[in-house]
Amino acid sequence: MSGRFPLYTDADIRGPLIKQLKKAGWDIVRAVDEYPQRTNDPIHFERAVELGRVLVTSDEDQEAIAVERYRAQRSFPGLIVWRQELNEQMGYRELLKVFEELAQQDDPFSPYPIVRIWPKR
């Protein structure tokens, strides 16, 4: 079923993108609202899973946690990840467009729950 899915944004996700997503109607829980700064990545990953939210990050360590969890056949709602440099290359509006495109797909996290965003060439 297509549609917007609930998000959990890692501390790496910048405010302008979060504002764009919220303005577009996305349901977001921010890591900084759940735990103090410098909380370890696995805690945020587990919290996103516990809340049934797709984790959004530009942290490769979070991606490594997701890959390990996937290989161990432990389910999770999904992970959307990109390199931080992409913020400048694509801009927040373009990143928002990617989220909207994912929401149009029937199940963007199946069969593989990790979506890596790359700049369109």
C-alpha atoms as a PDB file:
ATOM      1  CA  MET A   1       0.000   0.000   0.000  1.00  0.00           C
ATOM      2  CA  SER A   2       1.458   3.331  -0.991  1.00  0.00           C
ATOM      3  CA  GLY A   3       1.437   6.424   1.183  1.00  0.00           C
ATOM      4  CA  ARG A   4       3.545   8.311   3.634  1.00  0.00           C
ATOM      5  CA  PHE A   5       5.178   6.175   6.280  1.00  0.00           C
ATOM      6  CA  PRO A   6       6.190   7.425   9.758  1.00  0.00           C
ATOM      7  CA  LEU A   7       9.781   8.657  10.059  1.00  0.00           C
ATOM      8  CA  TYR A   8      12.397   8.797  12.796  1.00  0.00           C
ATOM      9  CA  THR A   9      15.105  11.293  11.889  1.00  0.00           C
ATOM     10  CA  ASP A  10      18.615  10.753  13.183  1.00  0.00           C
ATOM     11  CA  ALA A  11      20.472  13.695  14.715  1.00  0.00           C
ATOM     12  CA  ASP A  12      22.385  14.049  11.412  1.00  0.00           C
ATOM     13  CA  ILE A  13      19.298  15.199   9.531  1.00  0.00           C
ATOM     14  CA  ARG A  14      19.260  18.954   9.267  1.00  0.00           C
ATOM     15  CA  GLY A  15      16.408  21.197  10.312  1.00  0.00           C
ATOM     16  CA  PRO A  16      15.546  22.571   6.857  1.00  0.00           C
ATOM     17  CA  LEU A  17      14.791  19.082   5.527  1.00  0.00           C
ATOM     18  CA  ILE A  18      12.733  18.213   8.596  1.00  0.00           C
ATOM     19  CA  LYS A  19      10.756  21.443   8.120  1.00  0.00           C
ATOM     20  CA  GLN A  20      10.157  20.611   4.440  1.00  0.00           C
ATOM     21  CA  LEU A  21       8.986  17.091   5.326  1.00  0.00           C
ATOM     22  CA  LYS A  22       6.663  18.309   8.091  1.00  0.00           C
ATOM     23  CA  LYS A  23       5.249  21.019   5.842  1.00  0.00           C
ATOM     24  CA  ALA A  24       4.485  18.300   3.274  1.00  0.00           C
ATOM     25  CA  GLY A  25       2.595  16.317   5.926  1.00  0.00           C
ATOM     26  CA  TRP A  26       5.134  13.692   6.978  1.00  0.00           C
ATOM     27  CA  ASP A  27       4.849  12.280  10.528  1.00  0.00           C
ATOM     28  CA  ILE A  28       8.290  12.724  12.122  1.00  0.00           C
ATOM     29  CA  VAL A  29       9.863  11.862  15.455  1.00  0.00           C
ATOM     30  CA  ARG A  30      13.279  13.484  15.839  1.00  0.00           C
ATOM     31  CA  ALA A  31      16.130  11.712  17.635  1.00  0.00           C
ATOM     32  CA  VAL A  32      16.920  14.912  19.530  1.00  0.00           C
ATOM     33  CA  ASP A  33      13.424  14.843  21.028  1.00  0.00           C
ATOM     34  CA  GLU A  34      13.808  11.262  22.223  1.00  0.00           C
ATOM     35  CA  TYR A  35      17.316  11.169  23.711  1.00  0.00           C
ATOM     36  CA  PRO A  36      20.114  13.542  24.729  1.00  0.00           C
ATOM     37  CA  GLN A  37      22.766  14.601  22.209  1.00  0.00           C
ATOM     38  CA  ARG A  38      25.531  12.065  21.565  1.00  0.00           C
ATOM     39  CA  THR A  39      23.282   9.088  22.306  1.00  0.00           C
ATOM     40  CA  ASN A  40      24.744   6.026  20.579  1.00  0.00           C
ATOM     41  CA  ASP A  41      23.419   5.058  17.157  1.00  0.00           C
ATOM     42  CA  PRO A  42      22.120   1.592  18.154  1.00  0.00           C
ATOM     43  CA  ILE A  43      19.800   3.185  20.708  1.00  0.00           C
ATOM     44  CA  HIS A  44      18.254   5.393  18.033  1.00  0.00           C
ATOM     45  CA  PHE A  45      17.976   2.479  15.627  1.00  0.00           C
ATOM     46  CA  GLU A  46      16.175   0.369  18.224  1.00  0.00           C
ATOM     47  CA  ARG A  47      13.883   3.265  19.142  1.00  0.00           C
ATOM     48  CA  ALA A  48      12.864   3.707  15.514  1.00  0.00           C
ATOM     49  CA  VAL A  49      12.103  -0.027  15.326  1.00  0.00           C
ATOM     50  CA  GLU A  50      10.182   0.082  18.601  1.00  0.00           C
ATOM     51  CA  LEU A  51       8.057   2.957  17.300  1.00  0.00           C
ATOM     52  CA  GLY A  52       7.535   1.282  13.911  1.00  0.00           C
ATOM     53  CA  ARG A  53       9.202   4.154  12.055  1.00  0.00           C
ATOM     54  CA  VAL A  54      11.553   4.299   9.099  1.00  0.00           C
ATOM     55  CA  LEU A  55      14.927   5.635  10.236  1.00  0.00           C
ATOM     56  CA  VAL A  56      16.241   8.543   8.162  1.00  0.00           C
ATOM     57  CA  THR A  57      19.969   9.208   8.382  1.00  0.00           C
ATOM     58  CA  SER A  58      23.091  10.346   6.613  1.00  0.00           C
ATOM     59  CA  ASP A  59      25.207   8.295   9.020  1.00  0.00           C
ATOM     60  CA  GLU A  60      26.985   5.311   7.500  1.00  0.00           C
ATOM     61  CA  ASP A  61      27.214   3.700  10.959  1.00  0.00           C
ATOM     62  CA  GLN A  62      23.414   3.504  11.045  1.00  0.00           C
ATOM     63  CA  GLU A  63      23.478   1.875   7.626  1.00  0.00           C
ATOM     64  CA  ALA A  64      25.954  -0.709   8.933  1.00  0.00           C
ATOM     65  CA  ILE A  65      23.574  -1.490  11.817  1.00  0.00           C
ATOM     66  CA  ALA A  66      20.729  -1.942   9.320  1.00  0.00           C
ATOM     67  CA  VAL A  67      22.783  -4.237   7.089  1.00  0.00           C
ATOM     68  CA  GLU A  68      23.831  -6.340  10.077  1.00  0.00           C
ATOM     69  CA  ARG A  69      20.236  -6.568  11.290  1.00  0.00           C
ATOM     70  CA  TYR A  70      19.031  -7.531   7.801  1.00  0.00           C
ATOM     71  CA  ARG A  71      21.673 -10.247   7.492  1.00  0.00           C
ATOM     72  CA  ALA A  72      20.615 -11.586  10.902  1.00  0.00           C
ATOM     73  CA  GLN A  73      17.041 -11.725   9.531  1.00  0.00           C
ATOM     74  CA  ARG A  74      15.793  -9.293  12.170  1.00  0.00           C
ATOM     75  CA  SER A  75      13.075  -7.131  10.696  1.00  0.00           C
ATOM     76  CA  PHE A  76      12.803  -3.368  10.859  1.00  0.00           C
ATOM     77  CA  PRO A  77      10.475  -0.882   9.138  1.00  0.00           C
ATOM     78  CA  GLY A  78      13.154   0.545   6.865  1.00  0.00           C
ATOM     79  CA  LEU A  79      16.130   2.838   6.534  1.00  0.00           C
ATOM     80  CA  ILE A  80      16.602   5.793   4.203  1.00  0.00           C
ATOM     81  CA  VAL A  81      20.238   6.848   3.986  1.00  0.00           C
ATOM     82  CA  TRP A  82      22.443   9.177   1.967  1.00  0.00           C
ATOM     83  CA  ARG A  83      25.853  10.757   2.262  1.00  0.00           C
ATOM     84  CA  GLN A  84      25.877  14.161   3.951  1.00  0.00           C
ATOM     85  CA  GLU A  85      27.403  15.804   0.887  1.00  0.00           C
ATOM     86  CA  LEU A  86      24.145  15.092  -0.908  1.00  0.00           C
ATOM     87  CA  ASN A  87      22.465  17.823   1.157  1.00  0.00           C
ATOM     88  CA  GLU A  88      24.414  20.392  -0.847  1.00  0.00           C
ATOM     89  CA  GLN A  89      24.344  18.511  -4.158  1.00  0.00           C
ATOM     90  CA  MET A  90      20.617  17.905  -4.254  1.00  0.00           C
ATOM     91  CA  GLY A  91      19.114  20.462  -1.898  1.00  0.00           C
ATOM     92  CA  TYR A  92      16.291  19.898   0.531  1.00  0.00           C
ATOM     93  CA  ARG A  93      13.465  20.284  -1.981  1.00  0.00           C
ATOM     94  CA  GLU A  94      14.980  17.630  -4.198  1.00  0.00           C
ATOM     95  CA  LEU A  95      15.437  15.313  -1.208  1.00  0.00           C
ATOM     96  CA  LEU A  96      11.789  15.909  -0.299  1.00  0.00           C
ATOM     97  CA  LYS A  97      10.859  14.884  -3.836  1.00  0.00           C
ATOM     98  CA  VAL A  98      12.649  11.565  -3.306  1.00  0.00           C
ATOM     99  CA  PHE A  99      10.594  10.948  -0.153  1.00  0.00           C
ATOM    100  CA  GLU A 100       7.405  11.737  -2.041  1.00  0.00           C
ATOM    101  CA  GLU A 101       8.426   9.315  -4.808  1.00  0.00           C
ATOM    102  CA  LEU A 102       9.040   6.598  -2.208  1.00  0.00           C
ATOM    103  CA  ALA A 103       5.579   7.241  -0.762  1.00  0.00           C
ATOM    104  CA  GLN A 104       4.067   6.565  -4.197  1.00  0.00           C
ATOM    105  CA  GLN A 105       5.545   3.060  -4.308  1.00  0.00           C
ATOM    106  CA  ASP A 106       3.503   0.130  -3.036  1.00  0.00           C
ATOM    107  CA  ASP A 107       6.247  -1.044  -0.676  1.00  0.00           C
ATOM    108  CA  PRO A 108       9.531   0.831  -1.030  1.00  0.00           C
ATOM    109  CA  PHE A 109      11.203  -1.297   1.668  1.00  0.00           C
ATOM    110  CA  SER A 110      10.487  -4.690   0.164  1.00  0.00           C
ATOM    111  CA  PRO A 111      12.252  -6.922  -0.539  1.00  0.00           C
ATOM    112  CA  TYR A 112      15.228  -4.914   0.793  1.00  0.00           C
ATOM    113  CA  PRO A 113      14.548  -2.520   3.702  1.00  0.00           C
ATOM    114  CA  ILE A 114      17.445  -0.143   3.016  1.00  0.00           C
ATOM    115  CA  VAL A 115      16.942   2.683   0.526  1.00  0.00           C
ATOM    116  CA  ARG A 116      20.098   4.585  -0.370  1.00  0.00           C
ATOM    117  CA  ILE A 117      19.539   7.934  -2.032  1.00  0.00           C
ATOM    118  CA  TRP A 118      21.936   8.913  -4.805  1.00  0.00           C
ATOM    119  CA  PRO A 119      21.981  12.114  -6.832  1.00  0.00           C
ATOM    120  CA  LYS A 120      20.193  11.836 -10.158  1.00  0.00           C
ATOM    121  CA  ARG A 121      22.495  12.427 -13.074  1.00  0.00           C
END
